[in-house]
Amino acid sequence: MNIGLTHFLILGAIVFCLGLYGIITRKNAIMVLMGLELVLNSANINFVAFAKYGGMNIDGQVAAIFVILLAACEAAVALAIILNIYQNYKHVNVDEIDKMKE
């Protein structure tokens, strides 16, 4: 059995759906961020798979490295925001964060 492009695309779709489910259903901000990381990782799987099987040469790996860099920056900024929210409200429930406008 050979592993082809279809297998990687199915894996990427499953990881994307799990990430989207985590973003939509969770109230905890850290769990939402974990779902977002899953979505970004599914994009990386697709970039690398298309680079290998689609003839993109090195471009897919470069795009994957860019997405990893973006995810690291997003995690640093988002965790700083979450720590600030926790310091003010003593929880990280995203449903009650809209009170910060006041």
PDB file of N, CA and C in Angstrom:
ATOM      1  N   MET A   1       0.839  -1.182   0.000  1.00  0.00           N
ATOM      2  CA  MET A   1       0.000   0.000   0.000  1.00  0.00           C
ATOM      3  C   MET A   1       0.884   1.246   0.000  1.00  0.00           C
ATOM      4  N   ASN A   2       0.687   2.086  -0.971  1.00  0.00           N
ATOM      5  CA  ASN A   2       1.434   3.333  -1.075  1.00  0.00           C
ATOM      6  C   ASN A   2       0.624   4.472  -0.478  1.00  0.00           C
ATOM      7  N   ILE A   3       1.323   5.324   0.237  1.00  0.00           N
ATOM      8  CA  ILE A   3       0.671   6.493   0.799  1.00  0.00           C
ATOM      9  C   ILE A   3       0.780   7.603  -0.234  1.00  0.00           C
ATOM     10  N   GLY A   4      -0.370   8.115  -0.660  1.00  0.00           N
ATOM     11  CA  GLY A   4      -0.389   9.136  -1.695  1.00  0.00           C
ATOM     12  C   GLY A   4      -0.931  10.451  -1.196  1.00  0.00           C
ATOM     13  N   LEU A   5      -1.170  11.339  -2.131  1.00  0.00           N
ATOM     14  CA  LEU A   5      -1.664  12.673  -1.820  1.00  0.00           C
ATOM     15  C   LEU A   5      -3.020  12.618  -1.137  1.00  0.00           C
ATOM     16  N   THR A   6      -3.863  11.684  -1.555  1.00  0.00           N
ATOM     17  CA  THR A   6      -5.212  11.575  -0.982  1.00  0.00           C
ATOM     18  C   THR A   6      -5.161  11.305   0.514  1.00  0.00           C
ATOM     19  N   HIS A   7      -4.236  10.464   0.936  1.00  0.00           N
ATOM     20  CA  HIS A   7      -4.127  10.164   2.368  1.00  0.00           C
ATOM     21  C   HIS A   7      -3.767  11.409   3.176  1.00  0.00           C
ATOM     22  N   PHE A   8      -2.840  12.197   2.653  1.00  0.00           N
ATOM     23  CA  PHE A   8      -2.458  13.422   3.352  1.00  0.00           C
ATOM     24  C   PHE A   8      -3.608  14.427   3.374  1.00  0.00           C
ATOM     25  N   LEU A   9      -4.350  14.518   2.267  1.00  0.00           N
ATOM     26  CA  LEU A   9      -5.484  15.450   2.229  1.00  0.00           C
ATOM     27  C   LEU A   9      -6.581  15.028   3.195  1.00  0.00           C
ATOM     28  N   ILE A  10      -6.820  13.729   3.312  1.00  0.00           N
ATOM     29  CA  ILE A  10      -7.821  13.245   4.276  1.00  0.00           C
ATOM     30  C   ILE A  10      -7.365  13.536   5.695  1.00  0.00           C
ATOM     31  N   LEU A  11      -6.075  13.287   5.980  1.00  0.00           N
ATOM     32  CA  LEU A  11      -5.540  13.598   7.312  1.00  0.00           C
ATOM     33  C   LEU A  11      -5.645  15.084   7.610  1.00  0.00           C
ATOM     34  N   GLY A  12      -5.300  15.926   6.630  1.00  0.00           N
ATOM     35  CA  GLY A  12      -5.412  17.375   6.817  1.00  0.00           C
ATOM     36  C   GLY A  12      -6.850  17.807   7.059  1.00  0.00           C
ATOM     37  N   ALA A  13      -7.801  17.181   6.357  1.00  0.00           N
ATOM     38  CA  ALA A  13      -9.211  17.525   6.553  1.00  0.00           C
ATOM     39  C   ALA A  13      -9.701  17.102   7.930  1.00  0.00           C
ATOM     40  N   ILE A  14      -9.256  15.947   8.400  1.00  0.00           N
ATOM     41  CA  ILE A  14      -9.656  15.487   9.738  1.00  0.00           C
ATOM     42  C   ILE A  14      -9.099  16.417  10.812  1.00  0.00           C
ATOM     43  N   VAL A  15      -7.823  16.765  10.693  1.00  0.00           N
ATOM     44  CA  VAL A  15      -7.206  17.670  11.681  1.00  0.00           C
ATOM     45  C   VAL A  15      -7.875  19.042  11.632  1.00  0.00           C
ATOM     46  N   PHE A  16      -8.206  19.522  10.418  1.00  0.00           N
ATOM     47  CA  PHE A  16      -8.890  20.810  10.288  1.00  0.00           C
ATOM     48  C   PHE A  16     -10.255  20.768  10.960  1.00  0.00           C
ATOM     49  N   CYS A  17     -11.019  19.703  10.735  1.00  0.00           N
ATOM     50  CA  CYS A  17     -12.348  19.594  11.349  1.00  0.00           C
ATOM     51  C   CYS A  17     -12.260  19.519  12.869  1.00  0.00           C
ATOM     52  N   LEU A  18     -11.267  18.794  13.388  1.00  0.00           N
ATOM     53  CA  LEU A  18     -11.087  18.738  14.844  1.00  0.00           C
ATOM     54  C   LEU A  18     -10.733  20.114  15.406  1.00  0.00           C
ATOM     55  N   GLY A  19      -9.888  20.843  14.707  1.00  0.00           N
ATOM     56  CA  GLY A  19      -9.538  22.194  15.146  1.00  0.00           C
ATOM     57  C   GLY A  19     -10.720  23.139  15.095  1.00  0.00           C
ATOM     58  N   LEU A  20     -11.488  23.059  14.024  1.00  0.00           N
ATOM     59  CA  LEU A  20     -12.672  23.907  13.902  1.00  0.00           C
ATOM     60  C   LEU A  20     -13.694  23.576  14.981  1.00  0.00           C
ATOM     61  N   TYR A  21     -13.859  22.295  15.276  1.00  0.00           N
ATOM     62  CA  TYR A  21     -14.755  21.881  16.353  1.00  0.00           C
ATOM     63  C   TYR A  21     -14.276  22.444  17.695  1.00  0.00           C
ATOM     64  N   GLY A  22     -12.968  22.407  17.925  1.00  0.00           N
ATOM     65  CA  GLY A  22     -12.412  22.952  19.165  1.00  0.00           C
ATOM     66  C   GLY A  22     -12.597  24.454  19.272  1.00  0.00           C
ATOM     67  N   ILE A  23     -12.503  25.161  18.152  1.00  0.00           N
ATOM     68  CA  ILE A  23     -12.693  26.616  18.169  1.00  0.00           C
ATOM     69  C   ILE A  23     -14.142  26.972  18.454  1.00  0.00           C
ATOM     70  N   ILE A  24     -15.057  26.261  17.833  1.00  0.00           N
ATOM     71  CA  ILE A  24     -16.477  26.610  17.932  1.00  0.00           C
ATOM     72  C   ILE A  24     -17.090  26.215  19.271  1.00  0.00           C
ATOM     73  N   THR A  25     -16.705  25.062  19.813  1.00  0.00           N
ATOM     74  CA  THR A  25     -17.419  24.538  20.975  1.00  0.00           C
ATOM     75  C   THR A  25     -16.819  24.906  22.323  1.00  0.00           C
ATOM     76  N   ARG A  26     -15.593  25.346  22.364  1.00  0.00           N
ATOM     77  CA  ARG A  26     -14.940  25.589  23.657  1.00  0.00           C
ATOM     78  C   ARG A  26     -15.172  27.015  24.143  1.00  0.00           C
ATOM     79  N   LYS A  27     -15.250  27.148  25.474  1.00  0.00           N
ATOM     80  CA  LYS A  27     -15.379  28.467  26.086  1.00  0.00           C
ATOM     81  C   LYS A  27     -14.055  28.932  26.670  1.00  0.00           C
ATOM     82  N   ASN A  28     -13.174  28.001  26.959  1.00  0.00           N
ATOM     83  CA  ASN A  28     -11.879  28.335  27.527  1.00  0.00           C
ATOM     84  C   ASN A  28     -10.974  28.856  26.417  1.00  0.00           C
ATOM     85  N   ALA A  29     -10.349  29.994  26.632  1.00  0.00           N
ATOM     86  CA  ALA A  29      -9.532  30.634  25.601  1.00  0.00           C
ATOM     87  C   ALA A  29      -8.331  29.787  25.215  1.00  0.00           C
ATOM     88  N   ILE A  30      -7.757  29.056  26.149  1.00  0.00           N
ATOM     89  CA  ILE A  30      -6.605  28.216  25.837  1.00  0.00           C
ATOM     90  C   ILE A  30      -7.019  27.066  24.928  1.00  0.00           C
ATOM     91  N   MET A  31      -8.197  26.515  25.145  1.00  0.00           N
ATOM     92  CA  MET A  31      -8.685  25.444  24.264  1.00  0.00           C
ATOM     93  C   MET A  31      -8.988  25.982  22.863  1.00  0.00           C
ATOM     94  N   VAL A  32      -9.462  27.202  22.778  1.00  0.00           N
ATOM     95  CA  VAL A  32      -9.703  27.825  21.473  1.00  0.00           C
ATOM     96  C   VAL A  32      -8.377  27.998  20.735  1.00  0.00           C
ATOM     97  N   LEU A  33      -7.344  28.403  21.451  1.00  0.00           N
ATOM     98  CA  LEU A  33      -6.026  28.544  20.834  1.00  0.00           C
ATOM     99  C   LEU A  33      -5.473  27.200  20.374  1.00  0.00           C
ATOM    100  N   MET A  34      -5.735  26.144  21.129  1.00  0.00           N
ATOM    101  CA  MET A  34      -5.297  24.817  20.708  1.00  0.00           C
ATOM    102  C   MET A  34      -6.020  24.388  19.436  1.00  0.00           C
ATOM    103  N   GLY A  35      -7.298  24.727  19.320  1.00  0.00           N
ATOM    104  CA  GLY A  35      -8.030  24.449  18.089  1.00  0.00           C
ATOM    105  C   GLY A  35      -7.467  25.216  16.912  1.00  0.00           C
ATOM    106  N   LEU A  36      -7.078  26.457  17.156  1.00  0.00           N
ATOM    107  CA  LEU A  36      -6.466  27.266  16.101  1.00  0.00           C
ATOM    108  C   LEU A  36      -5.130  26.674  15.655  1.00  0.00           C
ATOM    109  N   GLU A  37      -4.365  26.155  16.594  1.00  0.00           N
ATOM    110  CA  GLU A  37      -3.105  25.499  16.240  1.00  0.00           C
ATOM    111  C   GLU A  37      -3.350  24.258  15.390  1.00  0.00           C
ATOM    112  N   LEU A  38      -4.415  23.523  15.667  1.00  0.00           N
ATOM    113  CA  LEU A  38      -4.756  22.357  14.837  1.00  0.00           C
ATOM    114  C   LEU A  38      -5.097  22.775  13.417  1.00  0.00           C
ATOM    115  N   VAL A  39      -5.811  23.876  13.278  1.00  0.00           N
ATOM    116  CA  VAL A  39      -6.151  24.375  11.942  1.00  0.00           C
ATOM    117  C   VAL A  39      -4.883  24.764  11.184  1.00  0.00           C
ATOM    118  N   LEU A  40      -3.961  25.432  11.858  1.00  0.00           N
ATOM    119  CA  LEU A  40      -2.705  25.810  11.212  1.00  0.00           C
ATOM    120  C   LEU A  40      -1.865  24.579  10.857  1.00  0.00           C
ATOM    121  N   ASN A  41      -1.884  23.569  11.719  1.00  0.00           N
ATOM    122  CA  ASN A  41      -1.142  22.338  11.422  1.00  0.00           C
ATOM    123  C   ASN A  41      -1.744  21.593  10.238  1.00  0.00           C
ATOM    124  N   SER A  42      -3.052  21.654  10.082  1.00  0.00           N
ATOM    125  CA  SER A  42      -3.662  21.009   8.911  1.00  0.00           C
ATOM    126  C   SER A  42      -3.231  21.720   7.632  1.00  0.00           C
ATOM    127  N   ALA A  43      -3.079  23.032   7.700  1.00  0.00           N
ATOM    128  CA  ALA A  43      -2.568  23.764   6.535  1.00  0.00           C
ATOM    129  C   ALA A  43      -1.134  23.336   6.231  1.00  0.00           C
ATOM    130  N   ASN A  44      -0.324  23.121   7.265  1.00  0.00           N
ATOM    131  CA  ASN A  44       1.055  22.661   7.060  1.00  0.00           C
ATOM    132  C   ASN A  44       1.095  21.290   6.404  1.00  0.00           C
ATOM    133  N   ILE A  45       0.227  20.398   6.839  1.00  0.00           N
ATOM    134  CA  ILE A  45       0.160  19.063   6.227  1.00  0.00           C
ATOM    135  C   ILE A  45      -0.141  19.190   4.742  1.00  0.00           C
ATOM    136  N   ASN A  46      -1.084  20.048   4.401  1.00  0.00           N
ATOM    137  CA  ASN A  46      -1.443  20.225   2.990  1.00  0.00           C
ATOM    138  C   ASN A  46      -0.314  20.874   2.198  1.00  0.00           C
ATOM    139  N   PHE A  47       0.359  21.867   2.761  1.00  0.00           N
ATOM    140  CA  PHE A  47       1.474  22.515   2.063  1.00  0.00           C
ATOM    141  C   PHE A  47       2.572  21.506   1.729  1.00  0.00           C
ATOM    142  N   VAL A  48       2.952  20.708   2.715  1.00  0.00           N
ATOM    143  CA  VAL A  48       4.036  19.756   2.505  1.00  0.00           C
ATOM    144  C   VAL A  48       3.609  18.642   1.552  1.00  0.00           C
ATOM    145  N   ALA A  49       2.356  18.203   1.662  1.00  0.00           N
ATOM    146  CA  ALA A  49       1.869  17.153   0.762  1.00  0.00           C
ATOM    147  C   ALA A  49       1.832  17.639  -0.677  1.00  0.00           C
ATOM    148  N   PHE A  50       1.347  18.852  -0.898  1.00  0.00           N
ATOM    149  CA  PHE A  50       1.324  19.385  -2.256  1.00  0.00           C
ATOM    150  C   PHE A  50       2.738  19.657  -2.772  1.00  0.00           C
ATOM    151  N   ALA A  51       3.650  19.985  -1.870  1.00  0.00           N
ATOM    152  CA  ALA A  51       5.029  20.190  -2.299  1.00  0.00           C
ATOM    153  C   ALA A  51       5.634  18.876  -2.793  1.00  0.00           C
ATOM    154  N   LYS A  52       5.298  17.779  -2.106  1.00  0.00           N
ATOM    155  CA  LYS A  52       5.872  16.496  -2.492  1.00  0.00           C
ATOM    156  C   LYS A  52       5.192  15.922  -3.727  1.00  0.00           C
ATOM    157  N   TYR A  53       3.871  15.930  -3.754  1.00  0.00           N
ATOM    158  CA  TYR A  53       3.136  15.249  -4.818  1.00  0.00           C
ATOM    159  C   TYR A  53       2.652  16.178  -5.925  1.00  0.00           C
ATOM    160  N   GLY A  54       2.617  17.469  -5.678  1.00  0.00           N
ATOM    161  CA  GLY A  54       2.086  18.392  -6.666  1.00  0.00           C
ATOM    162  C   GLY A  54       3.123  19.108  -7.492  1.00  0.00           C
ATOM    163  N   GLY A  55       4.363  18.850  -7.243  1.00  0.00           N
ATOM    164  CA  GLY A  55       5.415  19.462  -8.026  1.00  0.00           C
ATOM    165  C   GLY A  55       5.753  20.891  -7.635  1.00  0.00           C
ATOM    166  N   MET A  56       5.483  21.272  -6.378  1.00  0.00           N
ATOM    167  CA  MET A  56       5.785  22.636  -5.935  1.00  0.00           C
ATOM    168  C   MET A  56       7.238  22.791  -5.506  1.00  0.00           C
ATOM    169  N   ASN A  57       7.999  21.699  -5.544  1.00  0.00           N
ATOM    170  CA  ASN A  57       9.404  21.692  -5.129  1.00  0.00           C
ATOM    171  C   ASN A  57       9.550  22.188  -3.704  1.00  0.00           C
ATOM    172  N   ILE A  58      10.297  23.234  -3.481  1.00  0.00           N
ATOM    173  CA  ILE A  58      10.593  23.718  -2.129  1.00  0.00           C
ATOM    174  C   ILE A  58       9.553  24.717  -1.628  1.00  0.00           C
ATOM    175  N   ASP A  59       8.678  25.195  -2.482  1.00  0.00           N
ATOM    176  CA  ASP A  59       7.727  26.244  -2.097  1.00  0.00           C
ATOM    177  C   ASP A  59       6.790  25.806  -0.973  1.00  0.00           C
ATOM    178  N   GLY A  60       6.376  24.553  -0.963  1.00  0.00           N
ATOM    179  CA  GLY A  60       5.495  24.065   0.093  1.00  0.00           C
ATOM    180  C   GLY A  60       6.159  24.060   1.447  1.00  0.00           C
ATOM    181  N   GLN A  61       7.432  23.660   1.483  1.00  0.00           N
ATOM    182  CA  GLN A  61       8.156  23.665   2.756  1.00  0.00           C
ATOM    183  C   GLN A  61       8.384  25.087   3.255  1.00  0.00           C
ATOM    184  N   VAL A  62       8.647  26.006   2.349  1.00  0.00           N
ATOM    185  CA  VAL A  62       8.821  27.415   2.742  1.00  0.00           C
ATOM    186  C   VAL A  62       7.515  27.966   3.310  1.00  0.00           C
ATOM    187  N   ALA A  63       6.395  27.632   2.677  1.00  0.00           N
ATOM    188  CA  ALA A  63       5.099  28.076   3.191  1.00  0.00           C
ATOM    189  C   ALA A  63       4.815  27.456   4.552  1.00  0.00           C
ATOM    190  N   ALA A  64       5.177  26.195   4.748  1.00  0.00           N
ATOM    191  CA  ALA A  64       4.972  25.542   6.039  1.00  0.00           C
ATOM    192  C   ALA A  64       5.811  26.197   7.130  1.00  0.00           C
ATOM    193  N   ILE A  65       7.049  26.542   6.811  1.00  0.00           N
ATOM    194  CA  ILE A  65       7.896  27.234   7.795  1.00  0.00           C
ATOM    195  C   ILE A  65       7.311  28.601   8.140  1.00  0.00           C
ATOM    196  N   PHE A  66       6.762  29.291   7.137  1.00  0.00           N
ATOM    197  CA  PHE A  66       6.116  30.576   7.397  1.00  0.00           C
ATOM    198  C   PHE A  66       4.907  30.408   8.312  1.00  0.00           C
ATOM    199  N   VAL A  67       4.120  29.356   8.096  1.00  0.00           N
ATOM    200  CA  VAL A  67       2.954  29.108   8.954  1.00  0.00           C
ATOM    201  C   VAL A  67       3.396  28.760  10.369  1.00  0.00           C
ATOM    202  N   ILE A  68       4.481  28.002  10.516  1.00  0.00           N
ATOM    203  CA  ILE A  68       4.996  27.690  11.851  1.00  0.00           C
ATOM    204  C   ILE A  68       5.451  28.963  12.559  1.00  0.00           C
ATOM    205  N   LEU A  69       6.122  29.840  11.840  1.00  0.00           N
ATOM    206  CA  LEU A  69       6.545  31.128  12.400  1.00  0.00           C
ATOM    207  C   LEU A  69       5.330  31.963  12.812  1.00  0.00           C
ATOM    208  N   LEU A  70       4.320  31.990  11.970  1.00  0.00           N
ATOM    209  CA  LEU A  70       3.090  32.712  12.280  1.00  0.00           C
ATOM    210  C   LEU A  70       2.408  32.139  13.512  1.00  0.00           C
ATOM    211  N   ALA A  71       2.381  30.815  13.635  1.00  0.00           N
ATOM    212  CA  ALA A  71       1.758  30.170  14.791  1.00  0.00           C
ATOM    213  C   ALA A  71       2.510  30.485  16.076  1.00  0.00           C
ATOM    214  N   ALA A  72       3.834  30.546  16.001  1.00  0.00           N
ATOM    215  CA  ALA A  72       4.618  30.870  17.196  1.00  0.00           C
ATOM    216  C   ALA A  72       4.345  32.305  17.649  1.00  0.00           C
ATOM    217  N   CYS A  73       4.279  33.225  16.704  1.00  0.00           N
ATOM    218  CA  CYS A  73       3.971  34.620  17.048  1.00  0.00           C
ATOM    219  C   CYS A  73       2.563  34.746  17.599  1.00  0.00           C
ATOM    220  N   GLU A  74       1.633  34.043  16.992  1.00  0.00           N
ATOM    221  CA  GLU A  74       0.241  34.073  17.456  1.00  0.00           C
ATOM    222  C   GLU A  74       0.140  33.525  18.868  1.00  0.00           C
ATOM    223  N   ALA A  75       0.856  32.459  19.149  1.00  0.00           N
ATOM    224  CA  ALA A  75       0.804  31.862  20.483  1.00  0.00           C
ATOM    225  C   ALA A  75       1.369  32.823  21.529  1.00  0.00           C
ATOM    226  N   ALA A  76       2.456  33.495  21.211  1.00  0.00           N
ATOM    227  CA  ALA A  76       3.057  34.423  22.172  1.00  0.00           C
ATOM    228  C   ALA A  76       2.125  35.595  22.470  1.00  0.00           C
ATOM    229  N   VAL A  77       1.559  36.189  21.434  1.00  0.00           N
ATOM    230  CA  VAL A  77       0.663  37.330  21.630  1.00  0.00           C
ATOM    231  C   VAL A  77      -0.626  36.898  22.326  1.00  0.00           C
ATOM    232  N   ALA A  78      -1.183  35.774  21.902  1.00  0.00           N
ATOM    233  CA  ALA A  78      -2.442  35.311  22.490  1.00  0.00           C
ATOM    234  C   ALA A  78      -2.266  34.919  23.952  1.00  0.00           C
ATOM    235  N   LEU A  79      -1.161  34.283  24.294  1.00  0.00           N
ATOM    236  CA  LEU A  79      -0.944  33.930  25.694  1.00  0.00           C
ATOM    237  C   LEU A  79      -0.731  35.170  26.563  1.00  0.00           C
ATOM    238  N   ALA A  80      -0.115  36.195  26.017  1.00  0.00           N
ATOM    239  CA  ALA A  80       0.014  37.448  26.770  1.00  0.00           C
ATOM    240  C   ALA A  80      -1.364  38.063  27.022  1.00  0.00           C
ATOM    241  N   ILE A  81      -2.227  38.025  26.019  1.00  0.00           N
ATOM    242  CA  ILE A  81      -3.595  38.544  26.186  1.00  0.00           C
ATOM    243  C   ILE A  81      -4.356  37.705  27.202  1.00  0.00           C
ATOM    244  N   ILE A  82      -4.214  36.389  27.134  1.00  0.00           N
ATOM    245  CA  ILE A  82      -4.922  35.514  28.075  1.00  0.00           C
ATOM    246  C   ILE A  82      -4.436  35.739  29.500  1.00  0.00           C
ATOM    247  N   LEU A  83      -3.131  35.925  29.691  1.00  0.00           N
ATOM    248  CA  LEU A  83      -2.629  36.210  31.032  1.00  0.00           C
ATOM    249  C   LEU A  83      -3.180  37.530  31.567  1.00  0.00           C
ATOM    250  N   ASN A  84      -3.324  38.523  30.710  1.00  0.00           N
ATOM    251  CA  ASN A  84      -3.902  39.798  31.114  1.00  0.00           C
ATOM    252  C   ASN A  84      -5.377  39.630  31.480  1.00  0.00           C
ATOM    253  N   ILE A  85      -6.098  38.843  30.708  1.00  0.00           N
ATOM    254  CA  ILE A  85      -7.511  38.586  31.011  1.00  0.00           C
ATOM    255  C   ILE A  85      -7.633  37.850  32.336  1.00  0.00           C
ATOM    256  N   TYR A  86      -6.780  36.847  32.560  1.00  0.00           N
ATOM    257  CA  TYR A  86      -6.835  36.105  33.815  1.00  0.00           C
ATOM    258  C   TYR A  86      -6.492  37.000  35.000  1.00  0.00           C
ATOM    259  N   GLN A  87      -5.567  37.901  34.817  1.00  0.00           N
ATOM    260  CA  GLN A  87      -5.185  38.805  35.902  1.00  0.00           C
ATOM    261  C   GLN A  87      -6.347  39.718  36.282  1.00  0.00           C
ATOM    262  N   ASN A  88      -7.158  40.125  35.295  1.00  0.00           N
ATOM    263  CA  ASN A  88      -8.270  41.031  35.582  1.00  0.00           C
ATOM    264  C   ASN A  88      -9.528  40.309  36.043  1.00  0.00           C
ATOM    265  N   TYR A  89      -9.817  39.124  35.487  1.00  0.00           N
ATOM    266  CA  TYR A  89     -11.100  38.464  35.756  1.00  0.00           C
ATOM    267  C   TYR A  89     -10.977  37.159  36.523  1.00  0.00           C
ATOM    268  N   LYS A  90      -9.799  36.634  36.716  1.00  0.00           N
ATOM    269  CA  LYS A  90      -9.550  35.368  37.415  1.00  0.00           C
ATOM    270  C   LYS A  90     -10.150  34.163  36.699  1.00  0.00           C
ATOM    271  N   HIS A  91     -10.405  34.268  35.403  1.00  0.00           N
ATOM    272  CA  HIS A  91     -10.829  33.155  34.555  1.00  0.00           C
ATOM    273  C   HIS A  91     -10.518  33.519  33.111  1.00  0.00           C
ATOM    274  N   VAL A  92     -10.600  32.541  32.227  1.00  0.00           N
ATOM    275  CA  VAL A  92     -10.340  32.789  30.809  1.00  0.00           C
ATOM    276  C   VAL A  92     -11.518  32.328  29.958  1.00  0.00           C
ATOM    277  N   ASN A  93     -12.720  32.538  30.467  1.00  0.00           N
ATOM    278  CA  ASN A  93     -13.930  32.184  29.741  1.00  0.00           C
ATOM    279  C   ASN A  93     -14.184  33.227  28.653  1.00  0.00           C
ATOM    280  N   VAL A  94     -14.182  32.805  27.393  1.00  0.00           N
ATOM    281  CA  VAL A  94     -14.291  33.761  26.296  1.00  0.00           C
ATOM    282  C   VAL A  94     -15.685  34.364  26.169  1.00  0.00           C
ATOM    283  N   ASP A  95     -16.691  33.771  26.785  1.00  0.00           N
ATOM    284  CA  ASP A  95     -18.041  34.325  26.728  1.00  0.00           C
ATOM    285  C   ASP A  95     -18.175  35.603  27.547  1.00  0.00           C
ATOM    286  N   GLU A  96     -17.362  35.765  28.566  1.00  0.00           N
ATOM    287  CA  GLU A  96     -17.473  36.897  29.468  1.00  0.00           C
ATOM    288  C   GLU A  96     -16.394  37.959  29.239  1.00  0.00           C
ATOM    289  N   ILE A  97     -15.610  37.807  28.206  1.00  0.00           N
ATOM    290  CA  ILE A  97     -14.530  38.754  27.932  1.00  0.00           C
ATOM    291  C   ILE A  97     -15.048  40.057  27.338  1.00  0.00           C
ATOM    292  N   ASP A  98     -16.236  40.048  26.782  1.00  0.00           N
ATOM    293  CA  ASP A  98     -16.777  41.263  26.165  1.00  0.00           C
ATOM    294  C   ASP A  98     -17.008  42.381  27.171  1.00  0.00           C
ATOM    295  N   LYS A  99     -16.908  42.089  28.463  1.00  0.00           N
ATOM    296  CA  LYS A  99     -17.040  43.108  29.491  1.00  0.00           C
ATOM    297  C   LYS A  99     -15.837  44.039  29.539  1.00  0.00           C
ATOM    298  N   MET A 100     -14.776  43.708  28.818  1.00  0.00           N
ATOM    299  CA  MET A 100     -13.572  44.545  28.818  1.00  0.00           C
ATOM    300  C   MET A 100     -13.817  45.885  28.132  1.00  0.00           C
ATOM    301  N   LYS A 101     -14.861  45.988  27.318  1.00  0.00           N
ATOM    302  CA  LYS A 101     -15.157  47.237  26.629  1.00  0.00           C
ATOM    303  C   LYS A 101     -15.552  48.341  27.593  1.00  0.00           C
ATOM    304  N   GLU A 102     -16.102  47.955  28.706  1.00  0.00           N
ATOM    305  CA  GLU A 102     -16.642  48.925  29.665  1.00  0.00           C
ATOM    306  C   GLU A 102     -15.598  49.595  30.495  1.00  0.00           C
TER     307      GLU A 102
END
